[in-house]
Amino acid sequence: MQYAVADACISMCDDLNDTDGAAKIINPLNAVAMVGIAEAERDAFIVIARYRAS
């Protein structure tokens, strides 16, 4: 396991695995980035999402 020093931490439930925990952080950040890129380029994008039950 590797460690890094961070300025902020996000608390996760003990029963949440690493993959799902990472997705809860990265997916919203990707959405924010896509909107920012579309606004900067004065363009649009379509998002199709599908819910995956665990």
N, C-alpha and C. Protein backbone atom coordinates (compact mmCIF):
# COMPACT_ATOMS: atom_id res chain seq x y z
N MET A 1 0.85 -1.19 0.00
CA MET A 1 0.00 0.00 0.00
C MET A 1 0.89 1.23 0.00
N GLN A 2 0.47 2.25 -0.76
CA GLN A 2 1.21 3.50 -0.82
C GLN A 2 0.46 4.59 -0.08
N TYR A 3 1.17 5.54 0.44
CA TYR A 3 0.57 6.62 1.20
C TYR A 3 0.97 7.96 0.61
N ALA A 4 0.14 8.97 0.81
CA ALA A 4 0.43 10.32 0.35
C ALA A 4 -0.05 11.30 1.41
N VAL A 5 0.59 12.46 1.46
CA VAL A 5 0.18 13.52 2.37
C VAL A 5 -0.87 14.35 1.65
N ALA A 6 -1.99 14.62 2.33
CA ALA A 6 -3.08 15.37 1.71
C ALA A 6 -3.49 16.53 2.61
N ASP A 7 -4.01 17.58 1.98
CA ASP A 7 -4.52 18.73 2.74
C ASP A 7 -5.93 18.48 3.25
N ALA A 8 -6.64 17.54 2.64
CA ALA A 8 -8.02 17.27 3.03
C ALA A 8 -8.28 15.77 2.97
N CYS A 9 -9.23 15.32 3.74
CA CYS A 9 -9.61 13.91 3.74
C CYS A 9 -11.13 13.80 3.62
N ILE A 10 -11.57 12.73 3.00
CA ILE A 10 -13.00 12.46 2.88
C ILE A 10 -13.26 11.16 3.63
N SER A 11 -14.14 11.23 4.60
CA SER A 11 -14.45 10.07 5.42
C SER A 11 -15.40 9.13 4.66
N MET A 12 -15.11 7.84 4.70
CA MET A 12 -15.94 6.83 4.05
C MET A 12 -16.41 5.82 5.09
N CYS A 13 -17.54 5.18 4.81
CA CYS A 13 -18.06 4.14 5.69
C CYS A 13 -17.09 2.95 5.70
N ASP A 14 -17.01 2.26 6.80
CA ASP A 14 -16.12 1.11 6.93
C ASP A 14 -16.47 -0.02 5.96
N ASP A 15 -17.75 -0.16 5.61
CA ASP A 15 -18.16 -1.26 4.74
C ASP A 15 -18.08 -0.91 3.25
N LEU A 16 -17.57 0.27 2.90
CA LEU A 16 -17.43 0.70 1.51
C LEU A 16 -16.07 0.25 0.98
N ASN A 17 -16.06 -0.48 -0.14
CA ASN A 17 -14.77 -0.93 -0.68
C ASN A 17 -14.06 0.22 -1.39
N ASP A 18 -12.78 0.04 -1.67
CA ASP A 18 -11.96 1.10 -2.26
C ASP A 18 -12.47 1.58 -3.61
N THR A 19 -12.92 0.66 -4.46
CA THR A 19 -13.39 1.02 -5.79
C THR A 19 -14.62 1.92 -5.72
N ASP A 20 -15.61 1.54 -4.91
CA ASP A 20 -16.82 2.35 -4.78
C ASP A 20 -16.52 3.67 -4.08
N GLY A 21 -15.63 3.66 -3.13
CA GLY A 21 -15.24 4.90 -2.45
C GLY A 21 -14.60 5.88 -3.41
N ALA A 22 -13.71 5.39 -4.27
CA ALA A 22 -13.06 6.25 -5.27
C ALA A 22 -14.09 6.79 -6.26
N ALA A 23 -15.04 5.96 -6.66
CA ALA A 23 -16.06 6.39 -7.62
C ALA A 23 -16.91 7.52 -7.05
N LYS A 24 -17.17 7.50 -5.75
CA LYS A 24 -17.98 8.54 -5.12
C LYS A 24 -17.26 9.89 -5.16
N ILE A 25 -15.95 9.88 -5.29
CA ILE A 25 -15.18 11.12 -5.36
C ILE A 25 -14.93 11.52 -6.82
N ILE A 26 -14.47 10.59 -7.63
CA ILE A 26 -14.04 10.88 -8.99
C ILE A 26 -15.21 11.20 -9.92
N ASN A 27 -16.31 10.44 -9.85
CA ASN A 27 -17.42 10.67 -10.78
C ASN A 27 -17.98 12.10 -10.71
N PRO A 28 -18.22 12.66 -9.53
CA PRO A 28 -18.69 14.05 -9.49
C PRO A 28 -17.65 15.03 -10.02
N LEU A 29 -16.37 14.77 -9.77
CA LEU A 29 -15.33 15.66 -10.28
C LEU A 29 -15.26 15.61 -11.80
N ASN A 30 -15.46 14.43 -12.38
CA ASN A 30 -15.51 14.32 -13.84
C ASN A 30 -16.67 15.13 -14.40
N ALA A 31 -17.81 15.07 -13.77
CA ALA A 31 -18.97 15.83 -14.23
C ALA A 31 -18.69 17.33 -14.20
N VAL A 32 -18.09 17.80 -13.14
CA VAL A 32 -17.74 19.23 -13.03
C VAL A 32 -16.76 19.61 -14.14
N ALA A 33 -15.76 18.77 -14.39
CA ALA A 33 -14.78 19.05 -15.44
C ALA A 33 -15.44 19.09 -16.82
N MET A 34 -16.34 18.15 -17.11
CA MET A 34 -17.00 18.12 -18.43
C MET A 34 -17.84 19.37 -18.65
N VAL A 35 -18.55 19.81 -17.63
CA VAL A 35 -19.34 21.04 -17.76
C VAL A 35 -18.41 22.23 -17.99
N GLY A 36 -17.32 22.29 -17.26
CA GLY A 36 -16.36 23.39 -17.42
C GLY A 36 -15.78 23.44 -18.82
N ILE A 37 -15.42 22.28 -19.37
CA ILE A 37 -14.87 22.22 -20.73
C ILE A 37 -15.93 22.65 -21.74
N ALA A 38 -17.15 22.16 -21.60
CA ALA A 38 -18.22 22.53 -22.53
C ALA A 38 -18.49 24.04 -22.47
N GLU A 39 -18.49 24.61 -21.27
CA GLU A 39 -18.71 26.06 -21.15
C GLU A 39 -17.57 26.84 -21.78
N ALA A 40 -16.33 26.41 -21.54
CA ALA A 40 -15.17 27.12 -22.08
C ALA A 40 -15.15 27.08 -23.61
N GLU A 41 -15.57 25.96 -24.17
CA GLU A 41 -15.56 25.81 -25.63
C GLU A 41 -16.89 26.21 -26.25
N ARG A 42 -17.81 26.72 -25.41
CA ARG A 42 -19.15 27.11 -25.85
C ARG A 42 -19.78 25.99 -26.66
N ASP A 43 -19.75 24.81 -26.08
CA ASP A 43 -20.24 23.60 -26.71
C ASP A 43 -21.21 22.90 -25.76
N ALA A 44 -21.71 21.77 -26.16
CA ALA A 44 -22.63 21.01 -25.32
C ALA A 44 -22.22 19.54 -25.32
N PHE A 45 -22.73 18.79 -24.37
CA PHE A 45 -22.48 17.35 -24.34
C PHE A 45 -23.71 16.66 -23.77
N ILE A 46 -23.83 15.39 -24.08
CA ILE A 46 -24.95 14.57 -23.60
C ILE A 46 -24.38 13.49 -22.69
N VAL A 47 -25.01 13.31 -21.54
CA VAL A 47 -24.58 12.28 -20.60
C VAL A 47 -25.70 11.25 -20.48
N ILE A 48 -25.35 10.01 -20.66
CA ILE A 48 -26.29 8.92 -20.48
C ILE A 48 -25.76 8.10 -19.31
N ALA A 49 -26.52 8.04 -18.23
CA ALA A 49 -26.07 7.34 -17.03
C ALA A 49 -26.96 6.13 -16.78
N ARG A 50 -26.35 5.13 -16.21
CA ARG A 50 -27.09 3.92 -15.88
C ARG A 50 -26.77 3.54 -14.44
N TYR A 51 -27.77 3.26 -13.68
CA TYR A 51 -27.59 2.87 -12.28
C TYR A 51 -27.24 1.39 -12.21
N ARG A 52 -26.21 1.08 -11.44
CA ARG A 52 -25.80 -0.30 -11.24
C ARG A 52 -26.02 -0.65 -9.78
N ALA A 53 -26.98 -1.49 -9.50
CA ALA A 53 -27.25 -1.90 -8.13
C ALA A 53 -26.15 -2.83 -7.64
N SER A 54 -25.73 -2.64 -6.42
CA SER A 54 -24.67 -3.48 -5.85
C SER A 54 -25.21 -4.77 -5.33
